[in-house]
Amino acid sequence: MSEERNAIPLILTGIASIIGTIGVLWLYGYLHFAKEEDALLLAEFTMLKTVPGDQYKLPVKPANQVAQCIDGVLVLFDTQQKGLTGVLVDDKKQAVRCMGQETPQAPVAE
């Protein structure tokens, strides 16, 4: 017995399932669609070259960002806007590496 099935409801169900899954992931924050505004500069930074014997006057008030070394890359966290983080990059968009923490290595099987 050859029974012919209508494929249109199956296709529509599949498309609705994919759209629903993407919607739920986006709603709960597991999916983020990057916008051009997301890549804008958080703040301008300047490196002060240190010369032995020279004294530097820095303001007492710290910057609004806090840096942490994660997996060998310097990551900035903004203290005023919760959840705003970014990787510190140079003018060529290369990540600034840090030496304060070793990059985790996979355990070696013996």
PDB file of N, CA and C in Angstrom:
ATOM      1  N   MET A   1       0.823  -1.171   0.000  1.00  0.00           N
ATOM      2  CA  MET A   1       0.000   0.000   0.000  1.00  0.00           C
ATOM      3  C   MET A   1       0.881   1.253   0.000  1.00  0.00           C
ATOM      4  N   SER A   2       0.811   1.940  -1.050  1.00  0.00           N
ATOM      5  CA  SER A   2       1.576   3.162  -1.176  1.00  0.00           C
ATOM      6  C   SER A   2       0.687   4.326  -0.754  1.00  0.00           C
ATOM      7  N   GLU A   3       1.089   4.951   0.311  1.00  0.00           N
ATOM      8  CA  GLU A   3       0.298   6.061   0.835  1.00  0.00           C
ATOM      9  C   GLU A   3       1.071   7.354   0.614  1.00  0.00           C
ATOM     10  N   GLU A   4       0.476   8.297  -0.023  1.00  0.00           N
ATOM     11  CA  GLU A   4       1.144   9.551  -0.319  1.00  0.00           C
ATOM     12  C   GLU A   4       0.915  10.523   0.840  1.00  0.00           C
ATOM     13  N   ARG A   5       2.017  11.110   1.329  1.00  0.00           N
ATOM     14  CA  ARG A   5       1.918  12.061   2.444  1.00  0.00           C
ATOM     15  C   ARG A   5       2.101  13.477   1.916  1.00  0.00           C
ATOM     16  N   ASN A   6       1.426  14.379   2.557  1.00  0.00           N
ATOM     17  CA  ASN A   6       1.561  15.783   2.217  1.00  0.00           C
ATOM     18  C   ASN A   6       2.777  16.325   2.979  1.00  0.00           C
ATOM     19  N   ALA A   7       3.799  16.792   2.248  1.00  0.00           N
ATOM     20  CA  ALA A   7       5.046  17.237   2.873  1.00  0.00           C
ATOM     21  C   ALA A   7       4.974  18.662   3.400  1.00  0.00           C
ATOM     22  N   ILE A   8       3.999  19.433   2.982  1.00  0.00           N
ATOM     23  CA  ILE A   8       3.921  20.843   3.387  1.00  0.00           C
ATOM     24  C   ILE A   8       3.791  21.000   4.905  1.00  0.00           C
ATOM     25  N   PRO A   9       2.936  20.250   5.612  1.00  0.00           N
ATOM     26  CA  PRO A   9       2.881  20.406   7.073  1.00  0.00           C
ATOM     27  C   PRO A   9       4.201  20.032   7.754  1.00  0.00           C
ATOM     28  N   LEU A  10       4.908  19.038   7.240  1.00  0.00           N
ATOM     29  CA  LEU A  10       6.202  18.667   7.820  1.00  0.00           C
ATOM     30  C   LEU A  10       7.231  19.776   7.639  1.00  0.00           C
ATOM     31  N   ILE A  11       7.259  20.367   6.466  1.00  0.00           N
ATOM     32  CA  ILE A  11       8.204  21.458   6.201  1.00  0.00           C
ATOM     33  C   ILE A  11       7.877  22.672   7.069  1.00  0.00           C
ATOM     34  N   LEU A  12       6.601  23.023   7.164  1.00  0.00           N
ATOM     35  CA  LEU A  12       6.204  24.161   7.999  1.00  0.00           C
ATOM     36  C   LEU A  12       6.501  23.915   9.473  1.00  0.00           C
ATOM     37  N   THR A  13       6.306  22.671   9.934  1.00  0.00           N
ATOM     38  CA  THR A  13       6.628  22.330  11.327  1.00  0.00           C
ATOM     39  C   THR A  13       8.120  22.463  11.580  1.00  0.00           C
ATOM     40  N   GLY A  14       8.941  22.011  10.637  1.00  0.00           N
ATOM     41  CA  GLY A  14      10.389  22.134  10.782  1.00  0.00           C
ATOM     42  C   GLY A  14      10.849  23.577  10.833  1.00  0.00           C
ATOM     43  N   ILE A  15      10.303  24.401   9.934  1.00  0.00           N
ATOM     44  CA  ILE A  15      10.664  25.824   9.922  1.00  0.00           C
ATOM     45  C   ILE A  15      10.207  26.515  11.201  1.00  0.00           C
ATOM     46  N   ALA A  16       8.995  26.217  11.662  1.00  0.00           N
ATOM     47  CA  ALA A  16       8.495  26.811  12.905  1.00  0.00           C
ATOM     48  C   ALA A  16       9.340  26.375  14.100  1.00  0.00           C
ATOM     49  N   SER A  17       9.788  25.125  14.104  1.00  0.00           N
ATOM     50  CA  SER A  17      10.631  24.634  15.202  1.00  0.00           C
ATOM     51  C   SER A  17      11.966  25.364  15.237  1.00  0.00           C
ATOM     52  N   ILE A  18      12.565  25.573  14.077  1.00  0.00           N
ATOM     53  CA  ILE A  18      13.850  26.287  14.022  1.00  0.00           C
ATOM     54  C   ILE A  18      13.677  27.734  14.477  1.00  0.00           C
ATOM     55  N   ILE A  19      12.649  28.405  13.979  1.00  0.00           N
ATOM     56  CA  ILE A  19      12.405  29.793  14.378  1.00  0.00           C
ATOM     57  C   ILE A  19      12.097  29.886  15.868  1.00  0.00           C
ATOM     58  N   GLY A  20      11.304  28.950  16.384  1.00  0.00           N
ATOM     59  CA  GLY A  20      10.996  28.936  17.818  1.00  0.00           C
ATOM     60  C   GLY A  20      12.230  28.703  18.666  1.00  0.00           C
ATOM     61  N   THR A  21      13.105  27.792  18.237  1.00  0.00           N
ATOM     62  CA  THR A  21      14.339  27.518  18.980  1.00  0.00           C
ATOM     63  C   THR A  21      15.237  28.746  19.013  1.00  0.00           C
ATOM     64  N   ILE A  22      15.401  29.405  17.872  1.00  0.00           N
ATOM     65  CA  ILE A  22      16.223  30.620  17.817  1.00  0.00           C
ATOM     66  C   ILE A  22      15.618  31.707  18.706  1.00  0.00           C
ATOM     67  N   GLY A  23      14.304  31.851  18.685  1.00  0.00           N
ATOM     68  CA  GLY A  23      13.640  32.849  19.519  1.00  0.00           C
ATOM     69  C   GLY A  23      13.842  32.605  21.005  1.00  0.00           C
ATOM     70  N   VAL A  24      13.720  31.353  21.432  1.00  0.00           N
ATOM     71  CA  VAL A  24      13.903  31.030  22.854  1.00  0.00           C
ATOM     72  C   VAL A  24      15.356  31.236  23.264  1.00  0.00           C
ATOM     73  N   LEU A  25      16.313  30.828  22.427  1.00  0.00           N
ATOM     74  CA  LEU A  25      17.735  31.037  22.744  1.00  0.00           C
ATOM     75  C   LEU A  25      18.050  32.527  22.851  1.00  0.00           C
ATOM     76  N   TRP A  26      17.486  33.335  21.957  1.00  0.00           N
ATOM     77  CA  TRP A  26      17.716  34.770  22.007  1.00  0.00           C
ATOM     78  C   TRP A  26      17.061  35.385  23.246  1.00  0.00           C
ATOM     79  N   LEU A  27      15.853  34.930  23.584  1.00  0.00           N
ATOM     80  CA  LEU A  27      15.131  35.455  24.739  1.00  0.00           C
ATOM     81  C   LEU A  27      15.892  35.221  26.042  1.00  0.00           C
ATOM     82  N   TYR A  28      16.494  34.060  26.191  1.00  0.00           N
ATOM     83  CA  TYR A  28      17.218  33.729  27.420  1.00  0.00           C
ATOM     84  C   TYR A  28      18.682  34.152  27.385  1.00  0.00           C
ATOM     85  N   GLY A  29      19.116  34.810  26.323  1.00  0.00           N
ATOM     86  CA  GLY A  29      20.458  35.366  26.282  1.00  0.00           C
ATOM     87  C   GLY A  29      21.542  34.414  25.824  1.00  0.00           C
ATOM     88  N   TYR A  30      21.182  33.257  25.312  1.00  0.00           N
ATOM     89  CA  TYR A  30      22.184  32.322  24.826  1.00  0.00           C
ATOM     90  C   TYR A  30      22.603  32.626  23.391  1.00  0.00           C
ATOM     91  N   LEU A  31      21.882  33.491  22.733  1.00  0.00           N
ATOM     92  CA  LEU A  31      22.153  33.841  21.349  1.00  0.00           C
ATOM     93  C   LEU A  31      22.151  35.355  21.247  1.00  0.00           C
ATOM     94  N   HIS A  32      23.201  35.899  20.649  1.00  0.00           N
ATOM     95  CA  HIS A  32      23.307  37.348  20.517  1.00  0.00           C
ATOM     96  C   HIS A  32      23.635  37.677  19.067  1.00  0.00           C
ATOM     97  N   PHE A  33      22.840  38.535  18.471  1.00  0.00           N
ATOM     98  CA  PHE A  33      23.095  38.981  17.114  1.00  0.00           C
ATOM     99  C   PHE A  33      23.945  40.247  17.207  1.00  0.00           C
ATOM    100  N   ALA A  34      25.191  40.174  16.729  1.00  0.00           N
ATOM    101  CA  ALA A  34      26.113  41.301  16.827  1.00  0.00           C
ATOM    102  C   ALA A  34      25.689  42.414  15.888  1.00  0.00           C
ATOM    103  N   LYS A  35      25.738  43.623  16.417  1.00  0.00           N
ATOM    104  CA  LYS A  35      25.432  44.803  15.636  1.00  0.00           C
ATOM    105  C   LYS A  35      26.708  45.629  15.506  1.00  0.00           C
ATOM    106  N   GLU A  36      26.712  46.546  14.580  1.00  0.00           N
ATOM    107  CA  GLU A  36      27.897  47.369  14.382  1.00  0.00           C
ATOM    108  C   GLU A  36      28.210  48.203  15.627  1.00  0.00           C
ATOM    109  N   GLU A  37      27.170  48.607  16.368  1.00  0.00           N
ATOM    110  CA  GLU A  37      27.400  49.396  17.587  1.00  0.00           C
ATOM    111  C   GLU A  37      28.167  48.601  18.646  1.00  0.00           C
ATOM    112  N   ASP A  38      28.042  47.286  18.610  1.00  0.00           N
ATOM    113  CA  ASP A  38      28.706  46.451  19.611  1.00  0.00           C
ATOM    114  C   ASP A  38      30.226  46.511  19.493  1.00  0.00           C
ATOM    115  N   ALA A  39      30.738  46.873  18.329  1.00  0.00           N
ATOM    116  CA  ALA A  39      32.176  46.893  18.118  1.00  0.00           C
ATOM    117  C   ALA A  39      32.775  48.279  18.337  1.00  0.00           C
ATOM    118  N   LEU A  40      31.973  49.228  18.769  1.00  0.00           N
ATOM    119  CA  LEU A  40      32.493  50.569  19.006  1.00  0.00           C
ATOM    120  C   LEU A  40      33.403  50.583  20.216  1.00  0.00           C
ATOM    121  N   LEU A  41      34.230  51.584  20.284  1.00  0.00           N
ATOM    122  CA  LEU A  41      35.182  51.699  21.383  1.00  0.00           C
ATOM    123  C   LEU A  41      34.459  51.952  22.699  1.00  0.00           C
ATOM    124  N   LEU A  42      34.863  51.219  23.710  1.00  0.00           N
ATOM    125  CA  LEU A  42      34.344  51.460  25.047  1.00  0.00           C
ATOM    126  C   LEU A  42      34.979  52.713  25.623  1.00  0.00           C
ATOM    127  N   ALA A  43      36.283  52.841  25.453  1.00  0.00           N
ATOM    128  CA  ALA A  43      37.016  54.009  25.934  1.00  0.00           C
ATOM    129  C   ALA A  43      38.345  54.059  25.200  1.00  0.00           C
ATOM    130  N   GLU A  44      38.952  55.208  25.197  1.00  0.00           N
ATOM    131  CA  GLU A  44      40.277  55.370  24.597  1.00  0.00           C
ATOM    132  C   GLU A  44      41.324  55.092  25.674  1.00  0.00           C
ATOM    133  N   PHE A  45      42.371  54.399  25.289  1.00  0.00           N
ATOM    134  CA  PHE A  45      43.444  54.090  26.223  1.00  0.00           C
ATOM    135  C   PHE A  45      44.775  54.545  25.639  1.00  0.00           C
ATOM    136  N   THR A  46      45.663  54.973  26.506  1.00  0.00           N
ATOM    137  CA  THR A  46      46.993  55.397  26.110  1.00  0.00           C
ATOM    138  C   THR A  46      47.994  54.717  27.023  1.00  0.00           C
ATOM    139  N   MET A  47      49.056  54.214  26.442  1.00  0.00           N
ATOM    140  CA  MET A  47      50.090  53.572  27.250  1.00  0.00           C
ATOM    141  C   MET A  47      51.135  54.620  27.625  1.00  0.00           C
ATOM    142  N   LEU A  48      51.427  54.717  28.909  1.00  0.00           N
ATOM    143  CA  LEU A  48      52.469  55.613  29.382  1.00  0.00           C
ATOM    144  C   LEU A  48      53.761  54.815  29.482  1.00  0.00           C
ATOM    145  N   LYS A  49      54.767  55.269  28.745  1.00  0.00           N
ATOM    146  CA  LYS A  49      56.052  54.580  28.774  1.00  0.00           C
ATOM    147  C   LYS A  49      56.758  54.921  30.078  1.00  0.00           C
ATOM    148  N   THR A  50      57.208  53.890  30.749  1.00  0.00           N
ATOM    149  CA  THR A  50      57.888  54.101  32.025  1.00  0.00           C
ATOM    150  C   THR A  50      59.397  54.163  31.788  1.00  0.00           C
ATOM    151  N   VAL A  51      60.002  55.203  32.347  1.00  0.00           N
ATOM    152  CA  VAL A  51      61.444  55.392  32.263  1.00  0.00           C
ATOM    153  C   VAL A  51      61.976  55.380  33.686  1.00  0.00           C
ATOM    154  N   PRO A  52      62.981  54.543  33.965  1.00  0.00           N
ATOM    155  CA  PRO A  52      63.518  54.505  35.332  1.00  0.00           C
ATOM    156  C   PRO A  52      63.964  55.895  35.786  1.00  0.00           C
ATOM    157  N   GLY A  53      63.548  56.266  36.985  1.00  0.00           N
ATOM    158  CA  GLY A  53      63.921  57.552  37.565  1.00  0.00           C
ATOM    159  C   GLY A  53      62.884  58.641  37.359  1.00  0.00           C
ATOM    160  N   ASP A  54      62.004  58.491  36.380  1.00  0.00           N
ATOM    161  CA  ASP A  54      60.957  59.487  36.155  1.00  0.00           C
ATOM    162  C   ASP A  54      59.782  59.228  37.076  1.00  0.00           C
ATOM    163  N   GLN A  55      59.135  60.309  37.507  1.00  0.00           N
ATOM    164  CA  GLN A  55      57.946  60.178  38.347  1.00  0.00           C
ATOM    165  C   GLN A  55      56.718  60.524  37.514  1.00  0.00           C
ATOM    166  N   TYR A  56      55.638  59.808  37.800  1.00  0.00           N
ATOM    167  CA  TYR A  56      54.397  60.027  37.072  1.00  0.00           C
ATOM    168  C   TYR A  56      53.314  60.425  38.049  1.00  0.00           C
ATOM    169  N   LYS A  57      52.514  61.399  37.655  1.00  0.00           N
ATOM    170  CA  LYS A  57      51.388  61.823  38.473  1.00  0.00           C
ATOM    171  C   LYS A  57      50.128  61.269  37.837  1.00  0.00           C
ATOM    172  N   LEU A  58      49.467  60.389  38.559  1.00  0.00           N
ATOM    173  CA  LEU A  58      48.217  59.800  38.095  1.00  0.00           C
ATOM    174  C   LEU A  58      47.084  60.270  38.980  1.00  0.00           C
ATOM    175  N   PRO A  59      45.903  60.443  38.421  1.00  0.00           N
ATOM    176  CA  PRO A  59      44.769  60.848  39.256  1.00  0.00           C
ATOM    177  C   PRO A  59      44.428  59.762  40.285  1.00  0.00           C
ATOM    178  N   VAL A  60      43.892  60.177  41.408  1.00  0.00           N
ATOM    179  CA  VAL A  60      43.526  59.244  42.462  1.00  0.00           C
ATOM    180  C   VAL A  60      42.325  58.395  42.034  1.00  0.00           C
ATOM    181  N   LYS A  61      41.400  58.999  41.292  1.00  0.00           N
ATOM    182  CA  LYS A  61      40.209  58.276  40.859  1.00  0.00           C
ATOM    183  C   LYS A  61      40.590  57.284  39.760  1.00  0.00           C
ATOM    184  N   PRO A  62      40.247  55.998  39.938  1.00  0.00           N
ATOM    185  CA  PRO A  62      40.587  55.011  38.908  1.00  0.00           C
ATOM    186  C   PRO A  62      39.635  55.071  37.720  1.00  0.00           C
ATOM    187  N   ALA A  63      39.995  54.380  36.653  1.00  0.00           N
ATOM    188  CA  ALA A  63      39.155  54.317  35.453  1.00  0.00           C
ATOM    189  C   ALA A  63      37.897  53.508  35.751  1.00  0.00           C
ATOM    190  N   ASN A  64      36.926  53.587  34.855  1.00  0.00           N
ATOM    191  CA  ASN A  64      35.670  52.857  35.017  1.00  0.00           C
ATOM    192  C   ASN A  64      35.783  51.406  34.584  1.00  0.00           C
ATOM    193  N   GLN A  65      36.956  50.996  34.123  1.00  0.00           N
ATOM    194  CA  GLN A  65      37.152  49.627  33.672  1.00  0.00           C
ATOM    195  C   GLN A  65      38.123  48.901  34.582  1.00  0.00           C
ATOM    196  N   VAL A  66      37.903  47.597  34.699  1.00  0.00           N
ATOM    197  CA  VAL A  66      38.792  46.724  35.462  1.00  0.00           C
ATOM    198  C   VAL A  66      39.274  45.649  34.505  1.00  0.00           C
ATOM    199  N   ALA A  67      40.570  45.362  34.521  1.00  0.00           N
ATOM    200  CA  ALA A  67      41.131  44.375  33.607  1.00  0.00           C
ATOM    201  C   ALA A  67      41.443  43.079  34.351  1.00  0.00           C
ATOM    202  N   GLN A  68      41.282  41.980  33.631  1.00  0.00           N
ATOM    203  CA  GLN A  68      41.603  40.668  34.184  1.00  0.00           C
ATOM    204  C   GLN A  68      42.204  39.823  33.066  1.00  0.00           C
ATOM    205  N   CYS A  69      43.178  39.023  33.429  1.00  0.00           N
ATOM    206  CA  CYS A  69      43.820  38.144  32.465  1.00  0.00           C
ATOM    207  C   CYS A  69      43.034  36.838  32.402  1.00  0.00           C
ATOM    208  N   ILE A  70      42.433  36.549  31.249  1.00  0.00           N
ATOM    209  CA  ILE A  70      41.654  35.326  31.071  1.00  0.00           C
ATOM    210  C   ILE A  70      42.193  34.612  29.840  1.00  0.00           C
ATOM    211  N   ASP A  71      42.671  33.414  30.043  1.00  0.00           N
ATOM    212  CA  ASP A  71      43.239  32.604  28.956  1.00  0.00           C
ATOM    213  C   ASP A  71      44.321  33.344  28.189  1.00  0.00           C
ATOM    214  N   GLY A  72      45.126  34.132  28.880  1.00  0.00           N
ATOM    215  CA  GLY A  72      46.243  34.823  28.252  1.00  0.00           C
ATOM    216  C   GLY A  72      45.863  36.074  27.486  1.00  0.00           C
ATOM    217  N   VAL A  73      44.607  36.534  27.589  1.00  0.00           N
ATOM    218  CA  VAL A  73      44.142  37.738  26.901  1.00  0.00           C
ATOM    219  C   VAL A  73      43.622  38.714  27.947  1.00  0.00           C
ATOM    220  N   LEU A  74      43.918  39.996  27.764  1.00  0.00           N
ATOM    221  CA  LEU A  74      43.475  41.021  28.704  1.00  0.00           C
ATOM    222  C   LEU A  74      42.023  41.397  28.406  1.00  0.00           C
ATOM    223  N   VAL A  75      41.147  41.108  29.351  1.00  0.00           N
ATOM    224  CA  VAL A  75      39.711  41.365  29.195  1.00  0.00           C
ATOM    225  C   VAL A  75      39.328  42.514  30.127  1.00  0.00           C
ATOM    226  N   LEU A  76      38.569  43.473  29.587  1.00  0.00           N
ATOM    227  CA  LEU A  76      38.116  44.622  30.370  1.00  0.00           C
ATOM    228  C   LEU A  76      36.664  44.443  30.771  1.00  0.00           C
ATOM    229  N   PHE A  77      36.376  44.786  32.012  1.00  0.00           N
ATOM    230  CA  PHE A  77      35.015  44.766  32.532  1.00  0.00           C
ATOM    231  C   PHE A  77      34.666  46.186  32.934  1.00  0.00           C
ATOM    232  N   ASP A  78      33.532  46.678  32.472  1.00  0.00           N
ATOM    233  CA  ASP A  78      33.096  48.025  32.825  1.00  0.00           C
ATOM    234  C   ASP A  78      32.384  47.986  34.164  1.00  0.00           C
ATOM    235  N   THR A  79      32.724  48.901  35.061  1.00  0.00           N
ATOM    236  CA  THR A  79      32.126  48.905  36.401  1.00  0.00           C
ATOM    237  C   THR A  79      30.826  49.690  36.456  1.00  0.00           C
ATOM    238  N   GLN A  80      30.559  50.532  35.452  1.00  0.00           N
ATOM    239  CA  GLN A  80      29.328  51.325  35.466  1.00  0.00           C
ATOM    240  C   GLN A  80      28.198  50.632  34.723  1.00  0.00           C
ATOM    241  N   GLN A  81      28.498  49.964  33.631  1.00  0.00           N
ATOM    242  CA  GLN A  81      27.481  49.281  32.846  1.00  0.00           C
ATOM    243  C   GLN A  81      27.643  47.785  33.049  1.00  0.00           C
ATOM    244  N   LYS A  82      26.807  47.212  33.865  1.00  0.00           N
ATOM    245  CA  LYS A  82      26.905  45.792  34.198  1.00  0.00           C
ATOM    246  C   LYS A  82      26.770  44.932  32.949  1.00  0.00           C
ATOM    247  N   GLY A  83      27.616  43.931  32.850  1.00  0.00           N
ATOM    248  CA  GLY A  83      27.558  43.005  31.730  1.00  0.00           C
ATOM    249  C   GLY A  83      28.341  43.464  30.512  1.00  0.00           C
ATOM    250  N   LEU A  84      28.910  44.672  30.556  1.00  0.00           N
ATOM    251  CA  LEU A  84      29.678  45.172  29.423  1.00  0.00           C
ATOM    252  C   LEU A  84      31.129  44.738  29.588  1.00  0.00           C
ATOM    253  N   THR A  85      31.572  43.858  28.712  1.00  0.00           N
ATOM    254  CA  THR A  85      32.947  43.384  28.741  1.00  0.00           C
ATOM    255  C   THR A  85      33.532  43.482  27.351  1.00  0.00           C
ATOM    256  N   GLY A  86      34.833  43.444  27.272  1.00  0.00           N
ATOM    257  CA  GLY A  86      35.494  43.486  25.974  1.00  0.00           C
ATOM    258  C   GLY A  86      36.939  43.080  26.089  1.00  0.00           C
ATOM    259  N   VAL A  87      37.516  42.744  24.968  1.00  0.00           N
ATOM    260  CA  VAL A  87      38.919  42.376  24.894  1.00  0.00           C
ATOM    261  C   VAL A  87      39.694  43.608  24.464  1.00  0.00           C
ATOM    262  N   LEU A  88      40.793  43.889  25.130  1.00  0.00           N
ATOM    263  CA  LEU A  88      41.623  45.036  24.781  1.00  0.00           C
ATOM    264  C   LEU A  88      42.409  44.695  23.522  1.00  0.00           C
ATOM    265  N   VAL A  89      42.262  45.525  22.487  1.00  0.00           N
ATOM    266  CA  VAL A  89      42.955  45.298  21.213  1.00  0.00           C
ATOM    267  C   VAL A  89      43.751  46.543  20.844  1.00  0.00           C
ATOM    268  N   ASP A  90      44.736  46.351  19.959  1.00  0.00           N
ATOM    269  CA  ASP A  90      45.507  47.490  19.474  1.00  0.00           C
ATOM    270  C   ASP A  90      44.832  48.067  18.230  1.00  0.00           C
ATOM    271  N   ASP A  91      45.509  49.004  17.563  1.00  0.00           N
ATOM    272  CA  ASP A  91      44.894  49.645  16.400  1.00  0.00           C
ATOM    273  C   ASP A  91      44.723  48.713  15.211  1.00  0.00           C
ATOM    274  N   LYS A  92      45.373  47.539  15.236  1.00  0.00           N
ATOM    275  CA  LYS A  92      45.215  46.545  14.167  1.00  0.00           C
ATOM    276  C   LYS A  92      44.240  45.449  14.562  1.00  0.00           C
ATOM    277  N   LYS A  93      43.485  45.664  15.643  1.00  0.00           N
ATOM    278  CA  LYS A  93      42.481  44.720  16.161  1.00  0.00           C
ATOM    279  C   LYS A  93      43.101  43.407  16.632  1.00  0.00           C
ATOM    280  N   GLN A  94      44.358  43.462  17.073  1.00  0.00           N
ATOM    281  CA  GLN A  94      45.016  42.290  17.637  1.00  0.00           C
ATOM    282  C   GLN A  94      44.857  42.334  19.149  1.00  0.00           C
ATOM    283  N   ALA A  95      44.494  41.211  19.747  1.00  0.00           N
ATOM    284  CA  ALA A  95      44.252  41.153  21.191  1.00  0.00           C
ATOM    285  C   ALA A  95      45.547  41.386  21.962  1.00  0.00           C
ATOM    286  N   VAL A  96      45.448  42.158  23.033  1.00  0.00           N
ATOM    287  CA  VAL A  96      46.591  42.402  23.904  1.00  0.00           C
ATOM    288  C   VAL A  96      46.732  41.200  24.835  1.00  0.00           C
ATOM    289  N   ARG A  97      47.880  40.559  24.793  1.00  0.00           N
ATOM    290  CA  ARG A  97      48.139  39.386  25.633  1.00  0.00           C
ATOM    291  C   ARG A  97      48.630  39.836  26.998  1.00  0.00           C
ATOM    292  N   CYS A  98      48.478  38.963  27.978  1.00  0.00           N
ATOM    293  CA  CYS A  98      48.968  39.276  29.307  1.00  0.00           C
ATOM    294  C   CYS A  98      49.767  38.099  29.851  1.00  0.00           C
ATOM    295  N   MET A  99      50.687  38.411  30.731  1.00  0.00           N
ATOM    296  CA  MET A  99      51.561  37.382  31.278  1.00  0.00           C
ATOM    297  C   MET A  99      51.251  37.082  32.740  1.00  0.00           C
ATOM    298  N   GLY A 100      50.256  37.742  33.306  1.00  0.00           N
ATOM    299  CA  GLY A 100      49.953  37.570  34.712  1.00  0.00           C
ATOM    300  C   GLY A 100      49.378  36.214  35.064  1.00  0.00           C
ATOM    301  N   GLN A 101      48.878  35.512  34.071  1.00  0.00           N
ATOM    302  CA  GLN A 101      48.242  34.230  34.329  1.00  0.00           C
ATOM    303  C   GLN A 101      48.585  33.316  33.173  1.00  0.00           C
ATOM    304  N   GLU A 102      48.963  32.109  33.475  1.00  0.00           N
ATOM    305  CA  GLU A 102      49.288  31.159  32.433  1.00  0.00           C
ATOM    306  C   GLU A 102      48.010  30.691  31.738  1.00  0.00           C
ATOM    307  N   THR A 103      48.120  30.448  30.453  1.00  0.00           N
ATOM    308  CA  THR A 103      46.993  29.918  29.696  1.00  0.00           C
ATOM    309  C   THR A 103      46.777  28.464  30.112  1.00  0.00           C
ATOM    310  N   PRO A 104      45.565  28.091  30.486  1.00  0.00           N
ATOM    311  CA  PRO A 104      45.318  26.701  30.888  1.00  0.00           C
ATOM    312  C   PRO A 104      45.653  25.738  29.766  1.00  0.00           C
ATOM    313  N   GLN A 105      46.321  24.668  30.121  1.00  0.00           N
ATOM    314  CA  GLN A 105      46.691  23.646  29.160  1.00  0.00           C
ATOM    315  C   GLN A 105      45.863  22.397  29.412  1.00  0.00           C
ATOM    316  N   ALA A 106      45.634  21.642  28.349  1.00  0.00           N
ATOM    317  CA  ALA A 106      44.918  20.377  28.493  1.00  0.00           C
ATOM    318  C   ALA A 106      45.808  19.390  29.257  1.00  0.00           C
ATOM    319  N   PRO A 107      45.228  18.600  30.168  1.00  0.00           N
ATOM    320  CA  PRO A 107      46.039  17.640  30.909  1.00  0.00           C
ATOM    321  C   PRO A 107      46.619  16.594  29.955  1.00  0.00           C
ATOM    322  N   VAL A 108      47.854  16.230  30.264  1.00  0.00           N
ATOM    323  CA  VAL A 108      48.554  15.246  29.444  1.00  0.00           C
ATOM    324  C   VAL A 108      48.205  13.849  29.954  1.00  0.00           C
ATOM    325  N   ALA A 109      47.712  12.994  29.052  1.00  0.00           N
ATOM    326  CA  ALA A 109      47.339  11.630  29.435  1.00  0.00           C
ATOM    327  C   ALA A 109      48.614  10.793  29.562  1.00  0.00           C
ATOM    328  N   GLU A 110      48.692  10.030  30.606  1.00  0.00           N
ATOM    329  CA  GLU A 110      49.866   9.183  30.825  1.00  0.00           C
ATOM    330  C   GLU A 110      49.548   7.753  30.555  1.00  0.00           C
TER     331      GLU A 110
END
